Amino acid sequence: MPATPSPRQASVASWFDTEPAHVLCQLELQRLMPLLAEHPVTPWLWVAPTAAWAALPSLPGRGLRLYRDGAGFAGDTRCGLPLPLPSESVNAIVLQHVTARDAEQLIDECARVLMPGGRLWLSTLNPFSPYRRQWRHRGLVVRSPQRLRHTLDRSGLACQDVTYLGPMWHDRAPGHRSLALLRAACLFTAEKRTLALPGPTPLPVRQWHGTVAT
């Protein structure tokens, strides 16, 4: 008799196919698309939590679209980690909803394949939001925004902006700016640091101590 799939494992991905998750997805796209339009994105990499999320965005130029499938990824190709891309081969990455399971390794891989000066946009559910009641019982475990920011920095990705978006409760966003940190999700904008070439070493100036003919 075949083993019964674990409800905990099955529900992790399936939450992103629920109606509340798709509302959050649309909010992310509304924020992401103008940001992507401001910067060169091709070639790009888009990593989504499910096939439905991966099918929504439309980006110009060449790119690779992946979504989580069990312990690996599917989409334009099937793979695991490390990603099947050369180092410094993409100019923009959208990484939607990393989980605690492989956040560090996946961010390290994104930093490897990102070109110097390239941008990464990373979204994650906010574990400090009251909205967590919508997904926590599904078995999702996510990193805190502070820990993800540290992971980005350790990987050589300088975080330039963090935006909190989505509702605070089931369908209501906080009305006060001071409560923005309680929204459902947050979106990081990071850039791969470029190493500046060392400048020329000035030659020592020797002083002339002899007499000068006039």
N, C-alpha and C. Protein backbone atom coordinates (compact mmCIF):
# COMPACT_ATOMS: atom_id res chain seq x y z
N MET A 1 0.86 -1.20 0.00
CA MET A 1 0.00 0.00 0.00
C MET A 1 0.89 1.24 0.00
N PRO A 2 0.72 2.19 -0.93
CA PRO A 2 1.59 3.36 -0.99
C PRO A 2 1.43 4.24 0.23
N ALA A 3 2.52 4.90 0.59
CA ALA A 3 2.50 5.78 1.76
C ALA A 3 1.62 6.99 1.48
N THR A 4 0.90 7.41 2.50
CA THR A 4 0.03 8.57 2.39
C THR A 4 0.85 9.83 2.47
N PRO A 5 0.68 10.77 1.53
CA PRO A 5 1.45 12.02 1.60
C PRO A 5 1.20 12.76 2.89
N SER A 6 2.20 13.41 3.39
CA SER A 6 2.08 14.18 4.62
C SER A 6 1.19 15.39 4.40
N PRO A 7 0.11 15.58 5.19
CA PRO A 7 -0.73 16.77 5.03
C PRO A 7 0.06 18.05 5.25
N ARG A 8 1.04 18.00 6.17
CA ARG A 8 1.84 19.19 6.45
C ARG A 8 2.62 19.61 5.21
N GLN A 9 3.26 18.63 4.53
CA GLN A 9 4.04 18.95 3.35
C GLN A 9 3.14 19.42 2.20
N ALA A 10 2.00 18.80 2.02
CA ALA A 10 1.13 19.15 0.91
C ALA A 10 0.54 20.54 1.08
N SER A 11 0.25 20.93 2.35
CA SER A 11 -0.43 22.18 2.57
C SER A 11 0.47 23.39 2.43
N VAL A 12 1.80 23.18 2.56
CA VAL A 12 2.72 24.30 2.46
C VAL A 12 2.59 24.99 1.12
N ALA A 13 2.64 24.21 0.03
CA ALA A 13 2.51 24.79 -1.30
C ALA A 13 1.07 25.18 -1.60
N SER A 14 0.10 24.40 -1.12
CA SER A 14 -1.27 24.64 -1.51
C SER A 14 -1.81 25.95 -0.95
N TRP A 15 -1.25 26.49 0.14
CA TRP A 15 -1.76 27.77 0.64
C TRP A 15 -1.59 28.86 -0.40
N PHE A 16 -0.52 28.82 -1.17
CA PHE A 16 -0.28 29.85 -2.18
C PHE A 16 -1.26 29.75 -3.35
N ASP A 17 -2.07 28.71 -3.40
CA ASP A 17 -3.09 28.58 -4.42
C ASP A 17 -4.48 28.93 -3.88
N THR A 18 -4.55 29.44 -2.66
CA THR A 18 -5.83 29.85 -2.10
C THR A 18 -6.16 31.28 -2.54
N GLU A 19 -7.41 31.67 -2.35
CA GLU A 19 -7.84 33.02 -2.77
C GLU A 19 -7.09 34.12 -2.02
N PRO A 20 -6.91 34.03 -0.67
CA PRO A 20 -6.15 35.10 0.00
C PRO A 20 -4.73 35.24 -0.53
N ALA A 21 -4.11 34.12 -0.87
CA ALA A 21 -2.75 34.18 -1.40
C ALA A 21 -2.72 34.84 -2.77
N HIS A 22 -3.71 34.59 -3.60
CA HIS A 22 -3.73 35.20 -4.93
C HIS A 22 -3.98 36.71 -4.84
N VAL A 23 -4.73 37.14 -3.84
CA VAL A 23 -4.89 38.58 -3.61
C VAL A 23 -3.54 39.19 -3.26
N LEU A 24 -2.79 38.51 -2.40
CA LEU A 24 -1.46 38.98 -2.04
C LEU A 24 -0.52 38.98 -3.25
N CYS A 25 -0.65 37.98 -4.10
CA CYS A 25 0.15 37.90 -5.31
C CYS A 25 -0.10 39.12 -6.21
N GLN A 26 -1.34 39.49 -6.38
CA GLN A 26 -1.66 40.65 -7.21
C GLN A 26 -1.09 41.93 -6.62
N LEU A 27 -1.13 42.06 -5.30
CA LEU A 27 -0.55 43.23 -4.65
C LEU A 27 0.96 43.29 -4.88
N GLU A 28 1.60 42.13 -4.82
CA GLU A 28 3.05 42.09 -5.08
C GLU A 28 3.36 42.51 -6.51
N LEU A 29 2.58 42.00 -7.46
CA LEU A 29 2.83 42.36 -8.85
C LEU A 29 2.62 43.85 -9.10
N GLN A 30 1.60 44.44 -8.45
CA GLN A 30 1.36 45.87 -8.60
C GLN A 30 2.56 46.69 -8.12
N ARG A 31 3.26 46.17 -7.11
CA ARG A 31 4.44 46.86 -6.61
C ARG A 31 5.68 46.52 -7.44
N LEU A 32 5.77 45.28 -7.89
CA LEU A 32 6.98 44.82 -8.58
C LEU A 32 7.11 45.37 -10.00
N MET A 33 6.03 45.36 -10.76
CA MET A 33 6.14 45.69 -12.18
C MET A 33 6.68 47.10 -12.43
N PRO A 34 6.24 48.14 -11.69
CA PRO A 34 6.86 49.45 -11.90
C PRO A 34 8.35 49.45 -11.54
N LEU A 35 8.74 48.70 -10.50
CA LEU A 35 10.15 48.63 -10.13
C LEU A 35 10.97 47.96 -11.23
N LEU A 36 10.43 46.91 -11.80
CA LEU A 36 11.12 46.20 -12.87
C LEU A 36 11.23 47.07 -14.12
N ALA A 37 10.22 47.91 -14.36
CA ALA A 37 10.25 48.76 -15.54
C ALA A 37 11.31 49.85 -15.44
N GLU A 38 11.76 50.15 -14.24
CA GLU A 38 12.75 51.21 -14.04
C GLU A 38 14.18 50.75 -14.28
N HIS A 39 14.40 49.43 -14.37
CA HIS A 39 15.76 48.91 -14.45
C HIS A 39 15.86 47.88 -15.58
N PRO A 40 17.02 47.75 -16.19
CA PRO A 40 17.21 46.67 -17.18
C PRO A 40 17.05 45.32 -16.50
N VAL A 41 16.23 44.45 -17.08
CA VAL A 41 15.94 43.17 -16.42
C VAL A 41 16.41 41.96 -17.21
N THR A 42 16.75 42.12 -18.47
CA THR A 42 17.09 40.95 -19.26
C THR A 42 18.59 40.70 -19.25
N PRO A 43 19.03 39.47 -19.13
CA PRO A 43 18.25 38.26 -18.84
C PRO A 43 17.83 38.21 -17.37
N TRP A 44 16.69 37.54 -17.11
CA TRP A 44 16.12 37.55 -15.77
C TRP A 44 15.82 36.13 -15.29
N LEU A 45 15.60 36.03 -13.98
CA LEU A 45 15.19 34.78 -13.33
C LEU A 45 14.02 35.09 -12.41
N TRP A 46 12.93 34.32 -12.55
CA TRP A 46 11.75 34.51 -11.70
C TRP A 46 11.46 33.18 -11.01
N VAL A 47 11.48 33.19 -9.68
CA VAL A 47 11.22 31.98 -8.89
C VAL A 47 9.97 32.23 -8.06
N ALA A 48 8.91 31.46 -8.32
CA ALA A 48 7.61 31.64 -7.67
C ALA A 48 7.30 30.44 -6.77
N PRO A 49 6.36 30.59 -5.84
CA PRO A 49 6.04 29.47 -4.95
C PRO A 49 5.23 28.36 -5.60
N THR A 50 4.40 28.69 -6.61
CA THR A 50 3.60 27.67 -7.29
C THR A 50 3.52 27.99 -8.78
N ALA A 51 3.02 27.03 -9.56
CA ALA A 51 2.89 27.22 -11.00
C ALA A 51 1.94 28.37 -11.33
N ALA A 52 0.87 28.54 -10.55
CA ALA A 52 -0.09 29.61 -10.81
C ALA A 52 0.57 30.98 -10.63
N TRP A 53 1.40 31.13 -9.62
CA TRP A 53 2.10 32.40 -9.42
C TRP A 53 3.11 32.64 -10.54
N ALA A 54 3.78 31.61 -10.99
CA ALA A 54 4.80 31.77 -12.03
C ALA A 54 4.18 32.16 -13.36
N ALA A 55 2.93 31.79 -13.60
CA ALA A 55 2.30 32.05 -14.89
C ALA A 55 1.80 33.49 -15.02
N LEU A 56 1.73 34.25 -13.93
CA LEU A 56 1.12 35.57 -13.98
C LEU A 56 2.00 36.66 -14.57
N PRO A 57 3.26 36.82 -14.13
CA PRO A 57 4.03 37.96 -14.63
C PRO A 57 4.44 37.81 -16.08
N SER A 58 4.56 38.91 -16.77
CA SER A 58 5.04 38.93 -18.15
C SER A 58 6.18 39.93 -18.24
N LEU A 59 7.37 39.43 -18.54
CA LEU A 59 8.55 40.27 -18.60
C LEU A 59 9.15 40.26 -19.99
N PRO A 60 9.78 41.36 -20.40
CA PRO A 60 10.38 41.41 -21.74
C PRO A 60 11.71 40.65 -21.77
N GLY A 61 12.15 40.35 -22.97
CA GLY A 61 13.48 39.77 -23.13
C GLY A 61 13.57 38.32 -22.72
N ARG A 62 14.79 37.86 -22.53
CA ARG A 62 15.06 36.46 -22.20
C ARG A 62 15.04 36.26 -20.68
N GLY A 63 14.57 35.09 -20.28
CA GLY A 63 14.56 34.80 -18.86
C GLY A 63 14.21 33.35 -18.58
N LEU A 64 14.32 32.98 -17.32
CA LEU A 64 14.01 31.63 -16.86
C LEU A 64 12.97 31.73 -15.77
N ARG A 65 11.85 31.02 -15.96
CA ARG A 65 10.73 31.07 -15.02
C ARG A 65 10.64 29.72 -14.31
N LEU A 66 10.73 29.74 -12.97
CA LEU A 66 10.69 28.52 -12.18
C LEU A 66 9.64 28.66 -11.08
N TYR A 67 9.17 27.51 -10.59
CA TYR A 67 8.32 27.49 -9.42
C TYR A 67 8.66 26.25 -8.60
N ARG A 68 8.36 26.32 -7.32
CA ARG A 68 8.70 25.22 -6.42
C ARG A 68 7.88 23.98 -6.78
N ASP A 69 8.57 22.85 -6.75
CA ASP A 69 7.92 21.57 -7.04
C ASP A 69 8.58 20.52 -6.15
N GLY A 70 7.96 20.26 -5.00
CA GLY A 70 8.57 19.34 -4.05
C GLY A 70 9.85 19.91 -3.48
N ALA A 71 10.92 19.13 -3.53
CA ALA A 71 12.21 19.58 -3.01
C ALA A 71 13.00 20.38 -4.03
N GLY A 72 12.48 20.49 -5.27
CA GLY A 72 13.21 21.21 -6.31
C GLY A 72 12.35 22.25 -6.98
N PHE A 73 12.61 22.46 -8.27
CA PHE A 73 11.91 23.48 -9.04
C PHE A 73 11.49 22.90 -10.39
N ALA A 74 10.39 23.43 -10.92
CA ALA A 74 9.91 23.09 -12.26
C ALA A 74 9.61 24.39 -12.98
N GLY A 75 9.12 24.27 -14.21
CA GLY A 75 8.82 25.45 -15.01
C GLY A 75 9.49 25.34 -16.36
N ASP A 76 10.32 26.33 -16.72
CA ASP A 76 11.04 26.26 -17.98
C ASP A 76 12.06 25.13 -18.00
N THR A 77 12.46 24.67 -16.81
CA THR A 77 13.34 23.51 -16.69
C THR A 77 13.08 22.88 -15.34
N ARG A 78 13.52 21.65 -15.17
CA ARG A 78 13.45 20.99 -13.86
C ARG A 78 14.85 20.97 -13.26
N CYS A 79 14.94 21.38 -12.00
CA CYS A 79 16.27 21.46 -11.39
C CYS A 79 16.13 21.49 -9.89
N GLY A 80 17.26 21.45 -9.24
CA GLY A 80 17.36 21.67 -7.81
C GLY A 80 18.42 22.73 -7.59
N LEU A 81 18.99 22.73 -6.41
CA LEU A 81 20.11 23.61 -6.11
C LEU A 81 21.40 22.79 -6.16
N PRO A 82 22.44 23.33 -6.78
CA PRO A 82 22.58 24.68 -7.31
C PRO A 82 21.77 24.88 -8.60
N LEU A 83 21.44 26.13 -8.89
CA LEU A 83 20.68 26.46 -10.09
C LEU A 83 21.51 26.19 -11.34
N PRO A 84 20.87 25.73 -12.42
CA PRO A 84 21.61 25.40 -13.66
C PRO A 84 21.93 26.63 -14.50
N LEU A 85 22.57 27.61 -13.89
CA LEU A 85 22.92 28.86 -14.57
C LEU A 85 24.37 29.20 -14.28
N PRO A 86 25.07 29.76 -15.27
CA PRO A 86 26.45 30.20 -15.01
C PRO A 86 26.48 31.35 -14.01
N SER A 87 27.60 31.50 -13.36
CA SER A 87 27.77 32.61 -12.44
C SER A 87 27.67 33.95 -13.19
N GLU A 88 27.03 34.92 -12.54
CA GLU A 88 26.89 36.28 -13.07
C GLU A 88 26.30 36.29 -14.47
N SER A 89 25.18 35.55 -14.64
CA SER A 89 24.57 35.41 -15.96
C SER A 89 23.21 36.08 -16.09
N VAL A 90 22.62 36.58 -14.99
CA VAL A 90 21.32 37.24 -15.08
C VAL A 90 21.41 38.63 -14.46
N ASN A 91 20.58 39.53 -14.95
CA ASN A 91 20.65 40.92 -14.52
C ASN A 91 19.58 41.28 -13.50
N ALA A 92 18.55 40.44 -13.37
CA ALA A 92 17.47 40.72 -12.41
C ALA A 92 16.87 39.41 -11.94
N ILE A 93 16.54 39.34 -10.67
CA ILE A 93 15.93 38.14 -10.08
C ILE A 93 14.74 38.56 -9.23
N VAL A 94 13.62 37.87 -9.42
CA VAL A 94 12.47 38.00 -8.53
C VAL A 94 12.34 36.67 -7.80
N LEU A 95 12.45 36.73 -6.49
CA LEU A 95 12.40 35.53 -5.65
C LEU A 95 11.23 35.69 -4.70
N GLN A 96 10.15 34.96 -4.98
CA GLN A 96 8.92 35.12 -4.22
C GLN A 96 8.79 34.07 -3.13
N HIS A 97 8.75 34.52 -1.90
CA HIS A 97 8.38 33.72 -0.74
C HIS A 97 9.30 32.54 -0.49
N VAL A 98 10.53 32.89 -0.09
CA VAL A 98 11.45 31.87 0.37
C VAL A 98 10.93 31.34 1.71
N THR A 99 11.23 30.08 1.99
CA THR A 99 10.86 29.47 3.26
C THR A 99 12.11 29.25 4.09
N ALA A 100 11.92 28.88 5.34
CA ALA A 100 13.07 28.67 6.22
C ALA A 100 13.89 27.46 5.80
N ARG A 101 13.31 26.59 5.00
CA ARG A 101 13.98 25.33 4.66
C ARG A 101 15.28 25.54 3.92
N ASP A 102 15.29 26.44 2.96
CA ASP A 102 16.49 26.60 2.14
C ASP A 102 16.77 28.07 1.82
N ALA A 103 16.33 28.98 2.69
CA ALA A 103 16.48 30.41 2.40
C ALA A 103 17.93 30.79 2.16
N GLU A 104 18.83 30.37 3.05
CA GLU A 104 20.23 30.77 2.92
C GLU A 104 20.85 30.23 1.65
N GLN A 105 20.62 28.94 1.36
CA GLN A 105 21.23 28.34 0.17
C GLN A 105 20.67 28.96 -1.10
N LEU A 106 19.36 29.22 -1.14
CA LEU A 106 18.75 29.78 -2.34
C LEU A 106 19.21 31.22 -2.57
N ILE A 107 19.32 32.00 -1.52
CA ILE A 107 19.80 33.38 -1.66
C ILE A 107 21.26 33.39 -2.09
N ASP A 108 22.05 32.47 -1.54
CA ASP A 108 23.45 32.36 -1.98
C ASP A 108 23.53 32.06 -3.48
N GLU A 109 22.66 31.18 -3.96
CA GLU A 109 22.66 30.84 -5.39
C GLU A 109 22.23 32.03 -6.24
N CYS A 110 21.25 32.78 -5.76
CA CYS A 110 20.82 33.98 -6.49
C CYS A 110 21.95 34.99 -6.56
N ALA A 111 22.70 35.13 -5.47
CA ALA A 111 23.83 36.05 -5.47
C ALA A 111 24.90 35.57 -6.46
N ARG A 112 25.07 34.27 -6.58
CA ARG A 112 26.08 33.74 -7.50
C ARG A 112 25.74 34.03 -8.95
N VAL A 113 24.48 33.84 -9.34
CA VAL A 113 24.11 33.97 -10.75
C VAL A 113 23.80 35.41 -11.14
N LEU A 114 23.69 36.31 -10.15
CA LEU A 114 23.37 37.71 -10.44
C LEU A 114 24.61 38.46 -10.88
N MET A 115 24.46 39.28 -11.93
CA MET A 115 25.57 40.10 -12.41
C MET A 115 25.91 41.18 -11.39
N PRO A 116 27.16 41.61 -11.33
CA PRO A 116 27.51 42.76 -10.48
C PRO A 116 26.66 43.97 -10.85
N GLY A 117 26.06 44.60 -9.87
CA GLY A 117 25.16 45.72 -10.12
C GLY A 117 23.74 45.30 -10.44
N GLY A 118 23.48 43.99 -10.56
CA GLY A 118 22.13 43.51 -10.84
C GLY A 118 21.23 43.61 -9.61
N ARG A 119 19.92 43.54 -9.85
CA ARG A 119 18.94 43.71 -8.77
C ARG A 119 18.25 42.39 -8.44
N LEU A 120 17.93 42.25 -7.14
CA LEU A 120 17.12 41.13 -6.66
C LEU A 120 15.95 41.70 -5.88
N TRP A 121 14.75 41.23 -6.20
CA TRP A 121 13.56 41.56 -5.44
C TRP A 121 13.08 40.29 -4.74
N LEU A 122 12.99 40.32 -3.44
CA LEU A 122 12.64 39.15 -2.64
C LEU A 122 11.43 39.47 -1.79
N SER A 123 10.40 38.65 -1.91
CA SER A 123 9.21 38.83 -1.08
C SER A 123 9.11 37.68 -0.08
N THR A 124 8.51 37.98 1.06
CA THR A 124 8.34 36.96 2.10
C THR A 124 7.12 37.30 2.94
N LEU A 125 6.48 36.28 3.47
CA LEU A 125 5.41 36.50 4.42
C LEU A 125 6.00 37.06 5.71
N ASN A 126 5.24 37.91 6.36
CA ASN A 126 5.70 38.57 7.58
C ASN A 126 5.24 37.78 8.80
N PRO A 127 6.16 37.11 9.52
CA PRO A 127 5.74 36.30 10.66
C PRO A 127 5.26 37.11 11.85
N PHE A 128 5.45 38.45 11.82
CA PHE A 128 5.00 39.30 12.92
C PHE A 128 3.64 39.93 12.65
N SER A 129 3.06 39.67 11.49
CA SER A 129 1.76 40.24 11.14
C SER A 129 0.62 39.40 11.70
N PRO A 130 -0.46 40.02 12.15
CA PRO A 130 -1.65 39.23 12.52
C PRO A 130 -2.16 38.37 11.38
N TYR A 131 -1.80 38.74 10.15
CA TYR A 131 -2.21 37.98 8.97
C TYR A 131 -1.64 36.56 8.98
N ARG A 132 -0.63 36.31 9.82
CA ARG A 132 -0.02 34.97 9.86
C ARG A 132 -1.03 33.89 10.22
N ARG A 133 -2.16 34.31 10.81
CA ARG A 133 -3.20 33.32 11.13
C ARG A 133 -3.77 32.69 9.88
N GLN A 134 -3.58 33.34 8.71
CA GLN A 134 -4.09 32.80 7.46
C GLN A 134 -3.25 31.61 6.96
N TRP A 135 -1.96 31.58 7.34
CA TRP A 135 -1.09 30.57 6.74
C TRP A 135 -0.32 29.71 7.73
N ARG A 136 -0.19 30.15 8.98
CA ARG A 136 0.68 29.41 9.90
C ARG A 136 0.19 28.00 10.14
N HIS A 137 -1.11 27.78 10.19
CA HIS A 137 -1.62 26.44 10.44
C HIS A 137 -1.41 25.51 9.24
N ARG A 138 -0.95 26.05 8.10
CA ARG A 138 -0.65 25.23 6.93
C ARG A 138 0.77 24.66 6.96
N GLY A 139 1.52 24.97 8.00
CA GLY A 139 2.86 24.42 8.11
C GLY A 139 3.96 25.27 7.53
N LEU A 140 3.64 26.48 7.07
CA LEU A 140 4.66 27.37 6.52
C LEU A 140 5.54 27.92 7.65
N VAL A 141 6.83 27.90 7.42
CA VAL A 141 7.79 28.48 8.36
C VAL A 141 8.66 29.43 7.56
N VAL A 142 8.68 30.71 7.95
CA VAL A 142 9.43 31.71 7.19
C VAL A 142 10.42 32.41 8.11
N ARG A 143 11.44 32.98 7.51
CA ARG A 143 12.43 33.76 8.24
C ARG A 143 11.88 35.14 8.57
N SER A 144 12.35 35.73 9.64
CA SER A 144 11.96 37.09 9.98
C SER A 144 12.60 38.05 8.99
N PRO A 145 12.00 39.22 8.76
CA PRO A 145 12.62 40.20 7.86
C PRO A 145 14.03 40.58 8.28
N GLN A 146 14.29 40.67 9.57
CA GLN A 146 15.63 41.02 10.03
C GLN A 146 16.64 39.94 9.67
N ARG A 147 16.26 38.69 9.81
CA ARG A 147 17.19 37.61 9.49
C ARG A 147 17.42 37.52 7.98
N LEU A 148 16.38 37.73 7.19
CA LEU A 148 16.55 37.73 5.74
C LEU A 148 17.46 38.87 5.29
N ARG A 149 17.32 40.02 5.91
CA ARG A 149 18.18 41.14 5.56
C ARG A 149 19.64 40.80 5.87
N HIS A 150 19.88 40.15 7.00
CA HIS A 150 21.23 39.72 7.34
C HIS A 150 21.75 38.70 6.33
N THR A 151 20.88 37.78 5.89
CA THR A 151 21.28 36.78 4.90
C THR A 151 21.65 37.44 3.57
N LEU A 152 20.86 38.43 3.15
CA LEU A 152 21.17 39.15 1.93
C LEU A 152 22.53 39.83 2.03
N ASP A 153 22.76 40.48 3.15
CA ASP A 153 24.03 41.20 3.33
C ASP A 153 25.20 40.22 3.34
N ARG A 154 25.04 39.09 4.01
CA ARG A 154 26.12 38.10 4.07
C ARG A 154 26.44 37.53 2.70
N SER A 155 25.43 37.49 1.81
CA SER A 155 25.62 36.95 0.47
C SER A 155 26.17 37.98 -0.51
N GLY A 156 26.42 39.20 -0.03
CA GLY A 156 26.95 40.24 -0.91
C GLY A 156 25.88 41.03 -1.63
N LEU A 157 24.65 40.99 -1.10
CA LEU A 157 23.54 41.73 -1.70
C LEU A 157 23.14 42.87 -0.77
N ALA A 158 23.38 44.08 -1.21
CA ALA A 158 23.11 45.25 -0.38
C ALA A 158 21.63 45.60 -0.45
N CYS A 159 20.94 45.53 0.68
CA CYS A 159 19.51 45.85 0.73
C CYS A 159 19.32 47.36 0.63
N GLN A 160 18.55 47.80 -0.37
CA GLN A 160 18.33 49.22 -0.60
C GLN A 160 16.98 49.70 -0.13
N ASP A 161 16.01 48.78 -0.02
CA ASP A 161 14.67 49.22 0.37
C ASP A 161 13.88 48.01 0.86
N VAL A 162 13.02 48.22 1.84
CA VAL A 162 12.08 47.20 2.32
C VAL A 162 10.70 47.83 2.35
N THR A 163 9.77 47.22 1.63
CA THR A 163 8.39 47.71 1.57
C THR A 163 7.46 46.67 2.18
N TYR A 164 6.60 47.10 3.06
CA TYR A 164 5.59 46.21 3.64
C TYR A 164 4.29 46.41 2.89
N LEU A 165 3.64 45.30 2.52
CA LEU A 165 2.44 45.39 1.71
C LEU A 165 1.44 44.32 2.11
N GLY A 166 0.22 44.50 1.64
CA GLY A 166 -0.84 43.54 1.94
C GLY A 166 -1.63 43.94 3.18
N PRO A 167 -2.66 43.17 3.49
CA PRO A 167 -3.50 43.49 4.65
C PRO A 167 -2.81 43.13 5.95
N MET A 168 -3.36 43.64 7.04
CA MET A 168 -2.87 43.27 8.36
C MET A 168 -3.70 42.11 8.90
N TRP A 169 -5.01 42.19 8.69
CA TRP A 169 -5.89 41.09 9.05
C TRP A 169 -6.29 40.37 7.77
N HIS A 170 -7.43 39.75 7.74
CA HIS A 170 -7.85 38.96 6.58
C HIS A 170 -7.99 39.82 5.34
N ASP A 171 -8.62 40.99 5.47
CA ASP A 171 -8.88 41.82 4.29
C ASP A 171 -8.72 43.31 4.59
N ARG A 172 -7.99 43.64 5.64
CA ARG A 172 -7.91 45.05 6.03
C ARG A 172 -6.45 45.43 6.29
N ALA A 173 -6.00 46.46 5.61
CA ALA A 173 -4.65 46.97 5.82
C ALA A 173 -4.65 48.01 6.93
N PRO A 174 -3.53 48.16 7.65
CA PRO A 174 -3.50 49.18 8.70
C PRO A 174 -3.60 50.58 8.12
N GLY A 175 -4.34 51.43 8.80
CA GLY A 175 -4.53 52.78 8.30
C GLY A 175 -3.41 53.72 8.67
N HIS A 176 -2.64 53.41 9.69
CA HIS A 176 -1.58 54.29 10.16
C HIS A 176 -0.24 53.82 9.62
N ARG A 177 0.58 54.79 9.21
CA ARG A 177 1.90 54.47 8.67
C ARG A 177 2.75 53.74 9.71
N SER A 178 2.55 54.07 10.98
CA SER A 178 3.35 53.45 12.03
C SER A 178 3.06 51.96 12.17
N LEU A 179 1.94 51.49 11.59
CA LEU A 179 1.58 50.08 11.67
C LEU A 179 1.95 49.32 10.40
N ALA A 180 2.69 49.94 9.49
CA ALA A 180 3.03 49.28 8.23
C ALA A 180 3.82 48.00 8.47
N LEU A 181 4.61 47.95 9.55
CA LEU A 181 5.41 46.75 9.83
C LEU A 181 4.55 45.54 10.16
N LEU A 182 3.24 45.73 10.32
CA LEU A 182 2.32 44.62 10.63
C LEU A 182 1.59 44.11 9.39
N ARG A 183 1.94 44.60 8.21
CA ARG A 183 1.28 44.12 7.00
C ARG A 183 1.67 42.67 6.72
N ALA A 184 0.96 42.04 5.80
CA ALA A 184 1.06 40.60 5.58
C ALA A 184 2.41 40.15 5.05
N ALA A 185 3.05 40.98 4.22
CA ALA A 185 4.29 40.55 3.57
C ALA A 185 5.22 41.73 3.43
N CYS A 186 6.46 41.43 3.11
CA CYS A 186 7.41 42.51 2.85
C CYS A 186 8.22 42.18 1.60
N LEU A 187 8.69 43.22 0.94
CA LEU A 187 9.41 43.09 -0.31
C LEU A 187 10.75 43.80 -0.18
N PHE A 188 11.84 43.04 -0.35
CA PHE A 188 13.19 43.59 -0.30
C PHE A 188 13.65 43.93 -1.71
N THR A 189 14.34 45.06 -1.82
CA THR A 189 15.05 45.40 -3.05
C THR A 189 16.53 45.43 -2.70
N ALA A 190 17.31 44.59 -3.39
CA ALA A 190 18.74 44.48 -3.09
C ALA A 190 19.54 44.54 -4.38
N GLU A 191 20.80 44.93 -4.26
CA GLU A 191 21.69 45.03 -5.41
C GLU A 191 22.99 44.30 -5.11
N LYS A 192 23.48 43.60 -6.12
CA LYS A 192 24.76 42.90 -5.93
C LYS A 192 25.88 43.93 -5.94
N ARG A 193 26.68 43.89 -4.89
CA ARG A 193 27.76 44.86 -4.77
C ARG A 193 28.78 44.66 -5.87
N THR A 194 29.34 45.74 -6.34
CA THR A 194 30.43 45.69 -7.30
C THR A 194 31.71 46.08 -6.59
N LEU A 195 32.77 45.37 -6.90
CA LEU A 195 34.07 45.66 -6.30
C LEU A 195 34.78 46.71 -7.14
N ALA A 196 35.08 47.83 -6.55
CA ALA A 196 35.78 48.89 -7.27
C ALA A 196 37.24 48.50 -7.47
N LEU A 197 37.76 48.76 -8.66
CA LEU A 197 39.16 48.50 -8.93
C LEU A 197 40.03 49.47 -8.14
N PRO A 198 41.17 48.98 -7.64
CA PRO A 198 42.03 49.90 -6.88
C PRO A 198 42.58 50.99 -7.78
N GLY A 199 42.67 52.19 -7.26
CA GLY A 199 43.18 53.31 -8.02
C GLY A 199 44.68 53.24 -8.20
N PRO A 200 45.23 54.07 -9.07
CA PRO A 200 46.67 54.04 -9.30
C PRO A 200 47.43 54.49 -8.06
N THR A 201 48.57 53.85 -7.82
CA THR A 201 49.41 54.22 -6.69
C THR A 201 50.27 55.42 -7.07
N PRO A 202 50.17 56.51 -6.35
CA PRO A 202 50.97 57.69 -6.72
C PRO A 202 52.46 57.41 -6.56
N LEU A 203 53.24 57.87 -7.52
CA LEU A 203 54.68 57.72 -7.44
C LEU A 203 55.26 58.69 -6.42
N PRO A 204 56.27 58.26 -5.67
CA PRO A 204 56.87 59.18 -4.69
C PRO A 204 57.56 60.34 -5.39
N VAL A 205 57.39 61.50 -4.86
CA VAL A 205 58.02 62.70 -5.42
C VAL A 205 59.35 62.93 -4.71
N ARG A 206 60.43 62.84 -5.43
CA ARG A 206 61.75 63.04 -4.83
C ARG A 206 62.13 64.51 -4.88
N GLN A 207 62.63 65.02 -3.80
CA GLN A 207 63.06 66.40 -3.75
C GLN A 207 64.52 66.52 -4.17
N TRP A 208 64.82 67.54 -4.97
CA TRP A 208 66.18 67.78 -5.45
C TRP A 208 66.95 68.63 -4.44
N HIS A 209 68.06 68.06 -3.92
CA HIS A 209 68.80 68.75 -2.87
C HIS A 209 70.07 69.43 -3.41
N GLY A 210 70.37 69.27 -4.68
CA GLY A 210 71.59 69.89 -5.23
C GLY A 210 71.36 71.32 -5.65
N THR A 211 72.41 71.91 -6.20
CA THR A 211 72.28 73.28 -6.69
C THR A 211 71.67 73.30 -8.06
N VAL A 212 71.02 74.37 -8.37
CA VAL A 212 70.36 74.51 -9.65
C VAL A 212 71.06 75.60 -10.43
N ALA A 213 71.52 75.27 -11.66
CA ALA A 213 72.21 76.27 -12.50
C ALA A 213 71.21 77.29 -12.98
N THR A 214 71.60 78.52 -12.96
CA THR A 214 70.73 79.62 -13.44
C THR A 214 71.43 80.36 -14.58
